[in-house]
Amino acid sequence: MSRISRDFNLDLNVLFGNITELQGEPYGNLIVEFTGPAAEIQNALTAIRSDTVKVEEVQHYAS
């Protein structure tokens, strides 16, 4: 995530993360907030997806 933040000139805030083991394989979740130009955020998401990482955008959150 630090590389993505640098490459796309975005601020990154890690909100939550965990790793567990499922059927002997590590599985994890990471919830992050990107701040920056919308076009750069989209470019960053495209780059992350190309690394075979599943990305799910959360639109609604508690305030």
PDB file of N, CA and C in Angstrom:
ATOM      1  N   MET A   1       0.820  -1.177   0.000  1.00  0.00           N
ATOM      2  CA  MET A   1       0.000   0.000   0.000  1.00  0.00           C
ATOM      3  C   MET A   1       0.872   1.252   0.000  1.00  0.00           C
ATOM      4  N   SER A   2       2.026   1.190   0.630  1.00  0.00           N
ATOM      5  CA  SER A   2       2.887   2.377   0.614  1.00  0.00           C
ATOM      6  C   SER A   2       3.364   2.686  -0.801  1.00  0.00           C
ATOM      7  N   ARG A   3       3.637   1.635  -1.608  1.00  0.00           N
ATOM      8  CA  ARG A   3       4.041   1.862  -2.997  1.00  0.00           C
ATOM      9  C   ARG A   3       2.922   2.516  -3.777  1.00  0.00           C
ATOM     10  N   ILE A   4       1.704   2.054  -3.595  1.00  0.00           N
ATOM     11  CA  ILE A   4       0.554   2.637  -4.284  1.00  0.00           C
ATOM     12  C   ILE A   4       0.389   4.099  -3.887  1.00  0.00           C
ATOM     13  N   SER A   5       0.529   4.374  -2.606  1.00  0.00           N
ATOM     14  CA  SER A   5       0.407   5.745  -2.119  1.00  0.00           C
ATOM     15  C   SER A   5       1.450   6.653  -2.769  1.00  0.00           C
ATOM     16  N   ARG A   6       2.680   6.180  -2.839  1.00  0.00           N
ATOM     17  CA  ARG A   6       3.759   6.975  -3.462  1.00  0.00           C
ATOM     18  C   ARG A   6       3.562   7.103  -4.970  1.00  0.00           C
ATOM     19  N   ASP A   7       3.280   5.973  -5.633  1.00  0.00           N
ATOM     20  CA  ASP A   7       3.173   5.969  -7.095  1.00  0.00           C
ATOM     21  C   ASP A   7       2.067   6.875  -7.612  1.00  0.00           C
ATOM     22  N   PHE A   8       0.995   7.006  -6.838  1.00  0.00           N
ATOM     23  CA  PHE A   8      -0.155   7.773  -7.303  1.00  0.00           C
ATOM     24  C   PHE A   8      -0.371   9.063  -6.506  1.00  0.00           C
ATOM     25  N   ASN A   9       0.607   9.403  -5.664  1.00  0.00           N
ATOM     26  CA  ASN A   9       0.564  10.641  -4.887  1.00  0.00           C
ATOM     27  C   ASN A   9      -0.747  10.782  -4.104  1.00  0.00           C
ATOM     28  N   LEU A  10      -1.074   9.719  -3.366  1.00  0.00           N
ATOM     29  CA  LEU A  10      -2.302   9.686  -2.574  1.00  0.00           C
ATOM     30  C   LEU A  10      -1.965   9.585  -1.096  1.00  0.00           C
ATOM     31  N   ASP A  11      -2.806  10.153  -0.260  1.00  0.00           N
ATOM     32  CA  ASP A  11      -2.725   9.911   1.175  1.00  0.00           C
ATOM     33  C   ASP A  11      -3.505   8.639   1.457  1.00  0.00           C
ATOM     34  N   LEU A  12      -2.978   7.813   2.336  1.00  0.00           N
ATOM     35  CA  LEU A  12      -3.573   6.529   2.647  1.00  0.00           C
ATOM     36  C   LEU A  12      -3.757   6.424   4.148  1.00  0.00           C
ATOM     37  N   ASN A  13      -4.948   6.036   4.571  1.00  0.00           N
ATOM     38  CA  ASN A  13      -5.242   5.848   5.978  1.00  0.00           C
ATOM     39  C   ASN A  13      -5.768   4.431   6.171  1.00  0.00           C
ATOM     40  N   VAL A  14      -5.044   3.613   6.933  1.00  0.00           N
ATOM     41  CA  VAL A  14      -5.495   2.245   7.217  1.00  0.00           C
ATOM     42  C   VAL A  14      -6.505   2.320   8.349  1.00  0.00           C
ATOM     43  N   LEU A  15      -7.735   1.866   8.058  1.00  0.00           N
ATOM     44  CA  LEU A  15      -8.812   1.922   9.042  1.00  0.00           C
ATOM     45  C   LEU A  15      -8.965   0.613   9.812  1.00  0.00           C
ATOM     46  N   PHE A  16      -8.629  -0.521   9.160  1.00  0.00           N
ATOM     47  CA  PHE A  16      -8.802  -1.832   9.784  1.00  0.00           C
ATOM     48  C   PHE A  16      -8.001  -2.854   8.999  1.00  0.00           C
ATOM     49  N   GLY A  17      -7.472  -3.840   9.676  1.00  0.00           N
ATOM     50  CA  GLY A  17      -6.797  -4.934   8.999  1.00  0.00           C
ATOM     51  C   GLY A  17      -6.763  -6.167   9.875  1.00  0.00           C
ATOM     52  N   ASN A  18      -6.827  -7.335   9.241  1.00  0.00           N
ATOM     53  CA  ASN A  18      -6.673  -8.592   9.967  1.00  0.00           C
ATOM     54  C   ASN A  18      -6.241  -9.689   9.005  1.00  0.00           C
ATOM     55  N   ILE A  19      -5.617 -10.709   9.559  1.00  0.00           N
ATOM     56  CA  ILE A  19      -5.215 -11.885   8.791  1.00  0.00           C
ATOM     57  C   ILE A  19      -5.638 -13.100   9.595  1.00  0.00           C
ATOM     58  N   THR A  20      -6.219 -14.065   8.903  1.00  0.00           N
ATOM     59  CA  THR A  20      -6.610 -15.318   9.534  1.00  0.00           C
ATOM     60  C   THR A  20      -6.188 -16.451   8.609  1.00  0.00           C
ATOM     61  N   GLU A  21      -6.410 -17.660   9.017  1.00  0.00           N
ATOM     62  CA  GLU A  21      -6.059 -18.805   8.192  1.00  0.00           C
ATOM     63  C   GLU A  21      -7.321 -19.575   7.846  1.00  0.00           C
ATOM     64  N   LEU A  22      -7.511 -19.830   6.568  1.00  0.00           N
ATOM     65  CA  LEU A  22      -8.647 -20.622   6.083  1.00  0.00           C
ATOM     66  C   LEU A  22      -8.113 -21.800   5.300  1.00  0.00           C
ATOM     67  N   GLN A  23      -8.437 -22.978   5.732  1.00  0.00           N
ATOM     68  CA  GLN A  23      -7.982 -24.209   5.084  1.00  0.00           C
ATOM     69  C   GLN A  23      -6.469 -24.198   4.870  1.00  0.00           C
ATOM     70  N   GLY A  24      -5.749 -23.719   5.879  1.00  0.00           N
ATOM     71  CA  GLY A  24      -4.302 -23.723   5.835  1.00  0.00           C
ATOM     72  C   GLY A  24      -3.670 -22.597   5.040  1.00  0.00           C
ATOM     73  N   GLU A  25      -4.464 -21.688   4.503  1.00  0.00           N
ATOM     74  CA  GLU A  25      -3.947 -20.571   3.710  1.00  0.00           C
ATOM     75  C   GLU A  25      -4.258 -19.246   4.399  1.00  0.00           C
ATOM     76  N   PRO A  26      -3.305 -18.298   4.382  1.00  0.00           N
ATOM     77  CA  PRO A  26      -3.589 -16.997   4.980  1.00  0.00           C
ATOM     78  C   PRO A  26      -4.616 -16.223   4.152  1.00  0.00           C
ATOM     79  N   TYR A  27      -5.505 -15.557   4.844  1.00  0.00           N
ATOM     80  CA  TYR A  27      -6.552 -14.750   4.220  1.00  0.00           C
ATOM     81  C   TYR A  27      -6.690 -13.490   5.054  1.00  0.00           C
ATOM     82  N   GLY A  28      -6.719 -12.360   4.391  1.00  0.00           N
ATOM     83  CA  GLY A  28      -6.788 -11.127   5.155  1.00  0.00           C
ATOM     84  C   GLY A  28      -7.689 -10.086   4.536  1.00  0.00           C
ATOM     85  N   ASN A  29      -8.020  -9.110   5.339  1.00  0.00           N
ATOM     86  CA  ASN A  29      -8.804  -7.948   4.925  1.00  0.00           C
ATOM     87  C   ASN A  29      -8.052  -6.698   5.347  1.00  0.00           C
ATOM     88  N   LEU A  30      -8.147  -5.692   4.516  1.00  0.00           N
ATOM     89  CA  LEU A  30      -7.555  -4.405   4.843  1.00  0.00           C
ATOM     90  C   LEU A  30      -8.512  -3.331   4.361  1.00  0.00           C
ATOM     91  N   ILE A  31      -8.949  -2.495   5.271  1.00  0.00           N
ATOM     92  CA  ILE A  31      -9.829  -1.390   4.909  1.00  0.00           C
ATOM     93  C   ILE A  31      -9.007  -0.118   4.968  1.00  0.00           C
ATOM     94  N   VAL A  32      -8.947   0.560   3.820  1.00  0.00           N
ATOM     95  CA  VAL A  32      -8.149   1.775   3.727  1.00  0.00           C
ATOM     96  C   VAL A  32      -8.975   2.906   3.141  1.00  0.00           C
ATOM     97  N   GLU A  33      -8.548   4.114   3.429  1.00  0.00           N
ATOM     98  CA  GLU A  33      -9.165   5.311   2.877  1.00  0.00           C
ATOM     99  C   GLU A  33      -8.104   6.026   2.049  1.00  0.00           C
ATOM    100  N   PHE A  34      -8.420   6.290   0.781  1.00  0.00           N
ATOM    101  CA  PHE A  34      -7.539   7.070  -0.073  1.00  0.00           C
ATOM    102  C   PHE A  34      -8.044   8.503  -0.127  1.00  0.00           C
ATOM    103  N   THR A  35      -7.123   9.456  -0.065  1.00  0.00           N
ATOM    104  CA  THR A  35      -7.460  10.858  -0.238  1.00  0.00           C
ATOM    105  C   THR A  35      -6.564  11.408  -1.336  1.00  0.00           C
ATOM    106  N   GLY A  36      -7.206  12.050  -2.312  1.00  0.00           N
ATOM    107  CA  GLY A  36      -6.467  12.634  -3.418  1.00  0.00           C
ATOM    108  C   GLY A  36      -7.388  12.823  -4.603  1.00  0.00           C
ATOM    109  N   PRO A  37      -6.821  13.174  -5.761  1.00  0.00           N
ATOM    110  CA  PRO A  37      -7.630  13.381  -6.956  1.00  0.00           C
ATOM    111  C   PRO A  37      -8.352  12.088  -7.361  1.00  0.00           C
ATOM    112  N   ALA A  38      -9.613  12.221  -7.739  1.00  0.00           N
ATOM    113  CA  ALA A  38     -10.434  11.054  -8.091  1.00  0.00           C
ATOM    114  C   ALA A  38      -9.785  10.213  -9.189  1.00  0.00           C
ATOM    115  N   ALA A  39      -9.188  10.851 -10.179  1.00  0.00           N
ATOM    116  CA  ALA A  39      -8.557  10.111 -11.279  1.00  0.00           C
ATOM    117  C   ALA A  39      -7.397   9.264 -10.771  1.00  0.00           C
ATOM    118  N   GLU A  40      -6.629   9.787  -9.832  1.00  0.00           N
ATOM    119  CA  GLU A  40      -5.498   9.037  -9.285  1.00  0.00           C
ATOM    120  C   GLU A  40      -5.974   7.880  -8.411  1.00  0.00           C
ATOM    121  N   ILE A  41      -7.064   8.088  -7.693  1.00  0.00           N
ATOM    122  CA  ILE A  41      -7.632   6.993  -6.897  1.00  0.00           C
ATOM    123  C   ILE A  41      -8.068   5.866  -7.819  1.00  0.00           C
ATOM    124  N   GLN A  42      -8.725   6.196  -8.916  1.00  0.00           N
ATOM    125  CA  GLN A  42      -9.144   5.163  -9.878  1.00  0.00           C
ATOM    126  C   GLN A  42      -7.937   4.450 -10.472  1.00  0.00           C
ATOM    127  N   ASN A  43      -6.886   5.195 -10.802  1.00  0.00           N
ATOM    128  CA  ASN A  43      -5.667   4.580 -11.331  1.00  0.00           C
ATOM    129  C   ASN A  43      -5.034   3.638 -10.308  1.00  0.00           C
ATOM    130  N   ALA A  44      -5.051   4.042  -9.047  1.00  0.00           N
ATOM    131  CA  ALA A  44      -4.508   3.199  -7.987  1.00  0.00           C
ATOM    132  C   ALA A  44      -5.325   1.919  -7.840  1.00  0.00           C
ATOM    133  N   LEU A  45      -6.642   2.037  -7.882  1.00  0.00           N
ATOM    134  CA  LEU A  45      -7.501   0.849  -7.773  1.00  0.00           C
ATOM    135  C   LEU A  45      -7.258  -0.102  -8.937  1.00  0.00           C
ATOM    136  N   THR A  46      -7.066   0.433 -10.124  1.00  0.00           N
ATOM    137  CA  THR A  46      -6.769  -0.401 -11.291  1.00  0.00           C
ATOM    138  C   THR A  46      -5.450  -1.147 -11.083  1.00  0.00           C
ATOM    139  N   ALA A  47      -4.443  -0.461 -10.564  1.00  0.00           N
ATOM    140  CA  ALA A  47      -3.152  -1.095 -10.307  1.00  0.00           C
ATOM    141  C   ALA A  47      -3.270  -2.190  -9.244  1.00  0.00           C
ATOM    142  N   ILE A  48      -4.034  -1.926  -8.203  1.00  0.00           N
ATOM    143  CA  ILE A  48      -4.214  -2.927  -7.145  1.00  0.00           C
ATOM    144  C   ILE A  48      -4.927  -4.151  -7.698  1.00  0.00           C
ATOM    145  N   ARG A  49      -5.964  -3.942  -8.476  1.00  0.00           N
ATOM    146  CA  ARG A  49      -6.703  -5.072  -9.061  1.00  0.00           C
ATOM    147  C   ARG A  49      -5.811  -5.891  -9.990  1.00  0.00           C
ATOM    148  N   SER A  50      -4.871  -5.259 -10.669  1.00  0.00           N
ATOM    149  CA  SER A  50      -3.997  -5.993 -11.589  1.00  0.00           C
ATOM    150  C   SER A  50      -3.042  -6.916 -10.834  1.00  0.00           C
ATOM    151  N   ASP A  51      -2.897  -6.718  -9.537  1.00  0.00           N
ATOM    152  CA  ASP A  51      -2.071  -7.586  -8.693  1.00  0.00           C
ATOM    153  C   ASP A  51      -2.888  -8.741  -8.100  1.00  0.00           C
ATOM    154  N   THR A  52      -4.020  -9.056  -8.717  1.00  0.00           N
ATOM    155  CA  THR A  52      -4.944 -10.120  -8.286  1.00  0.00           C
ATOM    156  C   THR A  52      -5.445  -9.931  -6.861  1.00  0.00           C
ATOM    157  N   VAL A  53      -5.670  -8.695  -6.495  1.00  0.00           N
ATOM    158  CA  VAL A  53      -6.254  -8.368  -5.197  1.00  0.00           C
ATOM    159  C   VAL A  53      -7.710  -7.998  -5.435  1.00  0.00           C
ATOM    160  N   LYS A  54      -8.599  -8.563  -4.642  1.00  0.00           N
ATOM    161  CA  LYS A  54     -10.012  -8.215  -4.755  1.00  0.00           C
ATOM    162  C   LYS A  54     -10.239  -6.878  -4.065  1.00  0.00           C
ATOM    163  N   VAL A  55     -10.881  -5.971  -4.788  1.00  0.00           N
ATOM    164  CA  VAL A  55     -11.160  -4.631  -4.262  1.00  0.00           C
ATOM    165  C   VAL A  55     -12.660  -4.444  -4.206  1.00  0.00           C
ATOM    166  N   GLU A  56     -13.138  -4.020  -3.062  1.00  0.00           N
ATOM    167  CA  GLU A  56     -14.563  -3.712  -2.908  1.00  0.00           C
ATOM    168  C   GLU A  56     -14.671  -2.321  -2.304  1.00  0.00           C
ATOM    169  N   GLU A  57     -15.326  -1.432  -3.020  1.00  0.00           N
ATOM    170  CA  GLU A  57     -15.466  -0.057  -2.547  1.00  0.00           C
ATOM    171  C   GLU A  57     -16.628   0.052  -1.564  1.00  0.00           C
ATOM    172  N   VAL A  58     -16.370   0.674  -0.428  1.00  0.00           N
ATOM    173  CA  VAL A  58     -17.394   0.915   0.580  1.00  0.00           C
ATOM    174  C   VAL A  58     -17.862   2.355   0.404  1.00  0.00           C
ATOM    175  N   GLN A  59     -19.124   2.511   0.071  1.00  0.00           N
ATOM    176  CA  GLN A  59     -19.664   3.835  -0.186  1.00  0.00           C
ATOM    177  C   GLN A  59     -20.325   4.442   1.038  1.00  0.00           C
ATOM    178  N   HIS A  60     -20.893   3.586   1.877  1.00  0.00           N
ATOM    179  CA  HIS A  60     -21.631   4.063   3.044  1.00  0.00           C
ATOM    180  C   HIS A  60     -20.862   3.673   4.307  1.00  0.00           C
ATOM    181  N   TYR A  61     -20.749   4.588   5.194  1.00  0.00           N
ATOM    182  CA  TYR A  61     -20.038   4.328   6.432  1.00  0.00           C
ATOM    183  C   TYR A  61     -20.695   5.109   7.563  1.00  0.00           C
ATOM    184  N   ALA A  62     -20.415   4.666   8.773  1.00  0.00           N
ATOM    185  CA  ALA A  62     -20.957   5.354   9.959  1.00  0.00           C
ATOM    186  C   ALA A  62     -20.172   6.621  10.199  1.00  0.00           C
ATOM    187  N   SER A  63     -20.851   7.654  10.624  1.00  0.00           N
ATOM    188  CA  SER A  63     -20.144   8.902  10.922  1.00  0.00           C
ATOM    189  C   SER A  63     -20.157   9.201  12.401  1.00  0.00           C
TER     190      SER A  63
END
